[in-house]
Amino acid sequence: MRFSTLSLRSVSIAAALVAATASAHAGLTIPTNALVANSVQKFSSLAMDAFSLQAVAVSALGNATPIGDAGDTFNLPITTITIGSGLKIEKGDARGSALQFGRTFKGVDYAVTLANFTINYVSKQVLADVSIKGTASTTASRVVQQAIYNYNTEAALGIKYKFPLTITAHEVLDKLFLTEETKDSFMIGLKLPTYNRAVLDETDFGTLTQDIVVKFRAKPVSMTPYVPAP
């Protein structure tokens, strides 16, 4: 009975994805939190060197999980995708996932948290909620869906179909450079020395690799947005 139920559900979701990609209706959002759908952030060696320079540590929060022990790769489960007009995916969300960048300076703990990531394929940017902790600055402590990276498409999103209804999708985005707003957030939120701004200007933060398989997770991931503690 369980095999039959899961099979029927798999076929239903696969059919929905096929219908979505064949639809011209804008703004069709499809939940993917129950599927094996992941976005993997791998920080470049340059980014890791920049973190090391100022003793910045990156940690996974919410739905996010580290991959391996190097501290440079994190899995961010994809919770929804939105289909726009012209059969194109307009955005993909990793709601509930967060990465915290933490630093201790002169005995004070500082942190910048990026949460609830969105890849916006229209603007070619990655967005996230940006929260700052540990600063007395008058800058807003949390900005919702701030553009954090500009990106380049290394491998365009490709959707493959295999009989009977196996669907996979793969994409690689590279040349992740911080937006001016996010450089400001890191400089203020982590209390970085002024010369570090030039480092952020030149640092490629790595790659984002998206893989989706029409196959169920052992347990769906939460779609509740991640909000850091005050």
Protein backbone atom coordinates (compact mmCIF):
# COMPACT_ATOMS: atom_id res chain seq x y z
CA MET A 1 0.00 0.00 0.00
CA ARG A 2 2.80 2.43 0.91
CA PHE A 3 4.65 1.67 -2.36
CA SER A 4 1.46 2.22 -4.34
CA THR A 5 0.68 5.50 -2.55
CA LEU A 6 4.19 6.87 -3.01
CA SER A 7 4.22 5.80 -6.64
CA LEU A 8 0.96 7.60 -7.31
CA ARG A 9 2.22 10.70 -5.54
CA SER A 10 5.47 10.59 -7.51
CA VAL A 11 3.55 10.36 -10.77
CA SER A 12 1.29 13.21 -9.69
CA ILE A 13 4.20 15.52 -8.87
CA ALA A 14 6.06 14.55 -12.02
CA ALA A 15 2.94 15.28 -14.04
CA ALA A 16 2.59 18.64 -12.30
CA LEU A 17 6.17 19.55 -13.16
CA VAL A 18 5.65 18.51 -16.76
CA ALA A 19 2.46 20.56 -16.91
CA ALA A 20 4.25 23.53 -15.34
CA THR A 21 7.05 23.49 -17.85
CA ALA A 22 4.48 23.24 -20.65
CA SER A 23 2.34 26.05 -19.27
CA ALA A 24 2.43 29.67 -20.34
CA HIS A 25 0.75 30.92 -17.17
CA ALA A 26 2.92 33.34 -15.19
CA GLY A 27 3.53 33.04 -11.48
CA LEU A 28 2.84 29.33 -11.04
CA THR A 29 4.61 28.32 -7.81
CA ILE A 30 5.33 24.63 -7.20
CA PRO A 31 6.35 23.28 -3.77
CA THR A 32 9.48 21.11 -3.92
CA ASN A 33 10.16 20.73 -0.20
CA ALA A 34 9.11 17.06 -0.25
CA LEU A 35 11.40 16.27 -3.20
CA VAL A 36 15.15 15.70 -3.39
CA ALA A 37 15.75 19.28 -4.50
CA ASN A 38 18.89 21.01 -3.30
CA SER A 39 20.99 24.10 -3.84
CA VAL A 40 24.62 23.67 -2.79
CA GLN A 41 26.71 26.72 -1.92
CA LYS A 42 30.44 26.04 -2.27
CA PHE A 43 32.61 28.95 -1.22
CA SER A 44 35.71 29.57 -3.31
CA SER A 45 39.23 29.25 -1.89
CA LEU A 46 39.49 33.06 -2.19
CA ALA A 47 36.36 33.48 -0.07
CA MET A 48 37.68 31.03 2.52
CA ASP A 49 40.98 32.93 2.64
CA ALA A 50 39.07 36.18 3.14
CA PHE A 51 37.10 34.60 6.01
CA SER A 52 40.29 33.27 7.57
CA LEU A 53 41.96 36.69 7.32
CA GLN A 54 39.43 38.13 9.78
CA ALA A 55 38.67 34.91 11.71
CA VAL A 56 35.15 34.67 10.27
CA ALA A 57 33.40 31.32 10.73
CA VAL A 58 30.43 30.16 8.64
CA SER A 59 27.77 27.93 10.19
CA ALA A 60 24.55 26.35 8.91
CA LEU A 61 21.20 27.16 10.51
CA GLY A 62 17.60 26.10 9.93
CA ASN A 63 17.24 23.73 6.97
CA ALA A 64 20.85 24.28 5.87
CA THR A 65 23.43 21.57 6.55
CA PRO A 66 27.20 21.42 6.04
CA ILE A 67 28.67 19.05 3.46
CA GLY A 68 32.01 17.56 4.47
CA ASP A 69 34.35 18.90 7.12
CA ALA A 70 36.10 21.72 5.26
CA GLY A 71 33.48 24.31 6.23
CA ASP A 72 33.21 25.59 2.66
CA THR A 73 30.17 23.71 1.33
CA PHE A 74 26.55 23.87 2.49
CA ASN A 75 23.30 22.28 1.34
CA LEU A 76 20.25 24.53 1.10
CA PRO A 77 17.07 22.54 0.32
CA ILE A 78 14.94 24.10 -2.44
CA THR A 79 11.41 24.61 -1.14
CA THR A 80 9.61 26.13 -4.16
CA ILE A 81 10.13 27.04 -7.80
CA THR A 82 8.10 29.62 -9.71
CA ILE A 83 7.33 29.27 -13.40
CA GLY A 84 6.86 32.46 -15.39
CA SER A 85 5.65 33.17 -18.91
CA GLY A 86 7.51 31.70 -21.85
CA LEU A 87 8.06 28.36 -20.06
CA LYS A 88 10.84 29.88 -17.96
CA ILE A 89 11.62 29.42 -14.28
CA GLU A 90 11.55 32.89 -12.73
CA LYS A 91 12.88 31.98 -9.30
CA GLY A 92 13.73 29.23 -6.87
CA ASP A 93 13.51 29.52 -3.09
CA ALA A 94 15.40 27.88 -0.24
CA ARG A 95 13.08 29.05 2.49
CA GLY A 96 14.07 28.12 6.03
CA SER A 97 17.80 27.81 5.27
CA ALA A 98 20.37 30.18 6.73
CA LEU A 99 24.12 30.72 6.85
CA GLN A 100 25.62 32.68 9.71
CA PHE A 101 28.94 34.50 9.38
CA GLY A 102 30.36 35.06 12.86
CA ARG A 103 33.39 36.89 14.23
CA THR A 104 34.66 37.80 17.68
CA PHE A 105 36.48 41.12 17.94
CA LYS A 106 37.81 42.59 21.19
CA GLY A 107 35.63 40.22 23.18
CA VAL A 108 32.40 41.06 21.33
CA ASP A 109 30.58 38.54 19.15
CA TYR A 110 29.39 39.88 15.81
CA ALA A 111 27.28 38.06 13.23
CA VAL A 112 25.62 38.51 9.87
CA THR A 113 22.97 35.95 8.94
CA LEU A 114 21.76 35.31 5.40
CA ALA A 115 18.46 33.43 5.34
CA ASN A 116 15.61 32.34 3.08
CA PHE A 117 17.57 32.41 -0.15
CA THR A 118 16.00 33.15 -3.54
CA ILE A 119 17.60 32.82 -6.96
CA ASN A 120 15.97 35.46 -9.15
CA TYR A 121 16.51 34.41 -12.76
CA VAL A 122 15.06 37.66 -14.09
CA SER A 123 17.50 40.01 -12.33
CA LYS A 124 20.28 37.37 -12.28
CA GLN A 125 20.78 37.87 -8.57
CA VAL A 126 20.60 35.83 -5.38
CA LEU A 127 18.47 37.37 -2.63
CA ALA A 128 18.26 36.65 1.09
CA ASP A 129 17.04 38.11 4.36
CA VAL A 130 20.06 39.86 5.90
CA SER A 131 20.23 40.17 9.70
CA ILE A 132 22.92 41.94 11.70
CA LYS A 133 23.64 41.14 15.33
CA GLY A 134 26.12 42.65 17.76
CA THR A 135 26.31 46.22 16.47
CA ALA A 136 25.06 49.48 17.88
CA SER A 137 24.73 50.93 14.39
CA THR A 138 21.48 52.66 13.46
CA THR A 139 21.40 50.53 10.30
CA ALA A 140 18.29 48.32 10.16
CA SER A 141 19.06 45.03 11.89
CA ARG A 142 17.11 42.97 9.33
CA VAL A 143 16.44 43.55 5.65
CA VAL A 144 14.05 41.17 3.88
CA GLN A 145 15.10 39.77 0.49
CA GLN A 146 18.12 41.95 -0.10
CA ALA A 147 20.10 41.23 -3.26
CA ILE A 148 23.28 39.57 -1.93
CA TYR A 149 25.05 38.19 -5.03
CA ASN A 150 25.25 38.92 -8.72
CA TYR A 151 25.99 35.74 -10.65
CA ASN A 152 27.03 34.21 -13.94
CA THR A 153 25.44 31.08 -15.43
CA GLU A 154 28.09 28.42 -15.90
CA ALA A 155 25.65 25.62 -16.76
CA ALA A 156 22.10 26.66 -17.63
CA LEU A 157 19.19 24.89 -15.96
CA GLY A 158 18.50 21.72 -17.90
CA ILE A 159 15.46 19.53 -17.30
CA LYS A 160 15.69 15.90 -18.41
CA TYR A 161 12.82 13.44 -18.76
CA LYS A 162 13.29 9.67 -18.68
CA PHE A 163 10.58 7.06 -19.13
CA PRO A 164 8.24 6.52 -17.37
CA LEU A 165 8.22 9.80 -15.41
CA THR A 166 11.70 10.43 -14.03
CA ILE A 167 12.55 14.10 -14.09
CA THR A 168 15.88 15.66 -13.11
CA ALA A 169 17.17 19.21 -13.32
CA HIS A 170 20.74 20.51 -12.97
CA GLU A 171 22.27 23.98 -12.99
CA VAL A 172 25.52 25.68 -11.94
CA LEU A 173 25.85 29.38 -11.16
CA ASP A 174 29.32 30.83 -10.62
CA LYS A 175 31.15 34.14 -10.18
CA LEU A 176 29.15 35.04 -7.08
CA PHE A 177 30.12 38.63 -6.24
CA LEU A 178 28.60 40.52 -3.33
CA THR A 179 26.29 43.44 -4.06
CA GLU A 180 27.23 46.84 -2.65
CA GLU A 181 24.46 46.54 -0.05
CA THR A 182 25.78 43.22 1.20
CA LYS A 183 29.35 44.49 1.36
CA ASP A 184 27.97 47.22 3.63
CA SER A 185 26.19 44.57 5.72
CA PHE A 186 29.38 42.55 6.17
CA MET A 187 31.55 45.60 6.91
CA ILE A 188 29.14 46.91 9.55
CA GLY A 189 27.79 43.62 10.89
CA LEU A 190 31.20 41.97 11.35
CA LYS A 191 33.01 45.20 12.28
CA LEU A 192 35.62 44.63 9.59
CA PRO A 193 38.59 46.99 9.10
CA THR A 194 38.17 49.49 6.29
CA TYR A 195 40.77 47.85 4.04
CA ASN A 196 38.63 44.72 3.96
CA ARG A 197 36.15 46.50 1.65
CA ALA A 198 38.66 46.15 -1.20
CA VAL A 199 38.95 42.44 -0.41
CA LEU A 200 35.17 42.03 -0.68
CA ASP A 201 35.19 43.94 -3.97
CA GLU A 202 37.53 41.39 -5.53
CA THR A 203 36.33 38.15 -3.94
CA ASP A 204 34.40 35.59 -5.97
CA PHE A 205 32.28 33.77 -3.38
CA GLY A 206 32.10 30.53 -5.34
CA THR A 207 29.26 28.52 -6.88
CA LEU A 208 25.64 27.55 -6.40
CA THR A 209 24.69 24.17 -7.86
CA GLN A 210 21.01 23.24 -8.15
CA ASP A 211 19.87 19.62 -8.51
CA ILE A 212 16.25 18.46 -8.49
CA VAL A 213 15.06 14.85 -8.70
CA VAL A 214 11.40 13.79 -8.67
CA LYS A 215 12.03 11.52 -5.71
CA PHE A 216 10.72 11.91 -2.18
CA ARG A 217 12.84 12.89 0.79
CA ALA A 218 12.54 10.74 3.89
CA LYS A 219 10.89 13.78 5.47
CA PRO A 220 9.78 17.07 3.84
CA VAL A 221 11.80 20.10 4.89
CA SER A 222 10.09 22.98 6.67
CA MET A 223 8.84 25.87 4.54
CA THR A 224 8.76 28.25 7.51
CA PRO A 225 11.06 31.24 6.95
CA TYR A 226 14.13 31.31 9.19
CA VAL A 227 14.29 34.31 11.53
CA PRO A 228 17.41 34.73 13.70
CA ALA A 229 17.00 35.25 17.41
CA PRO A 230 17.25 38.94 18.40
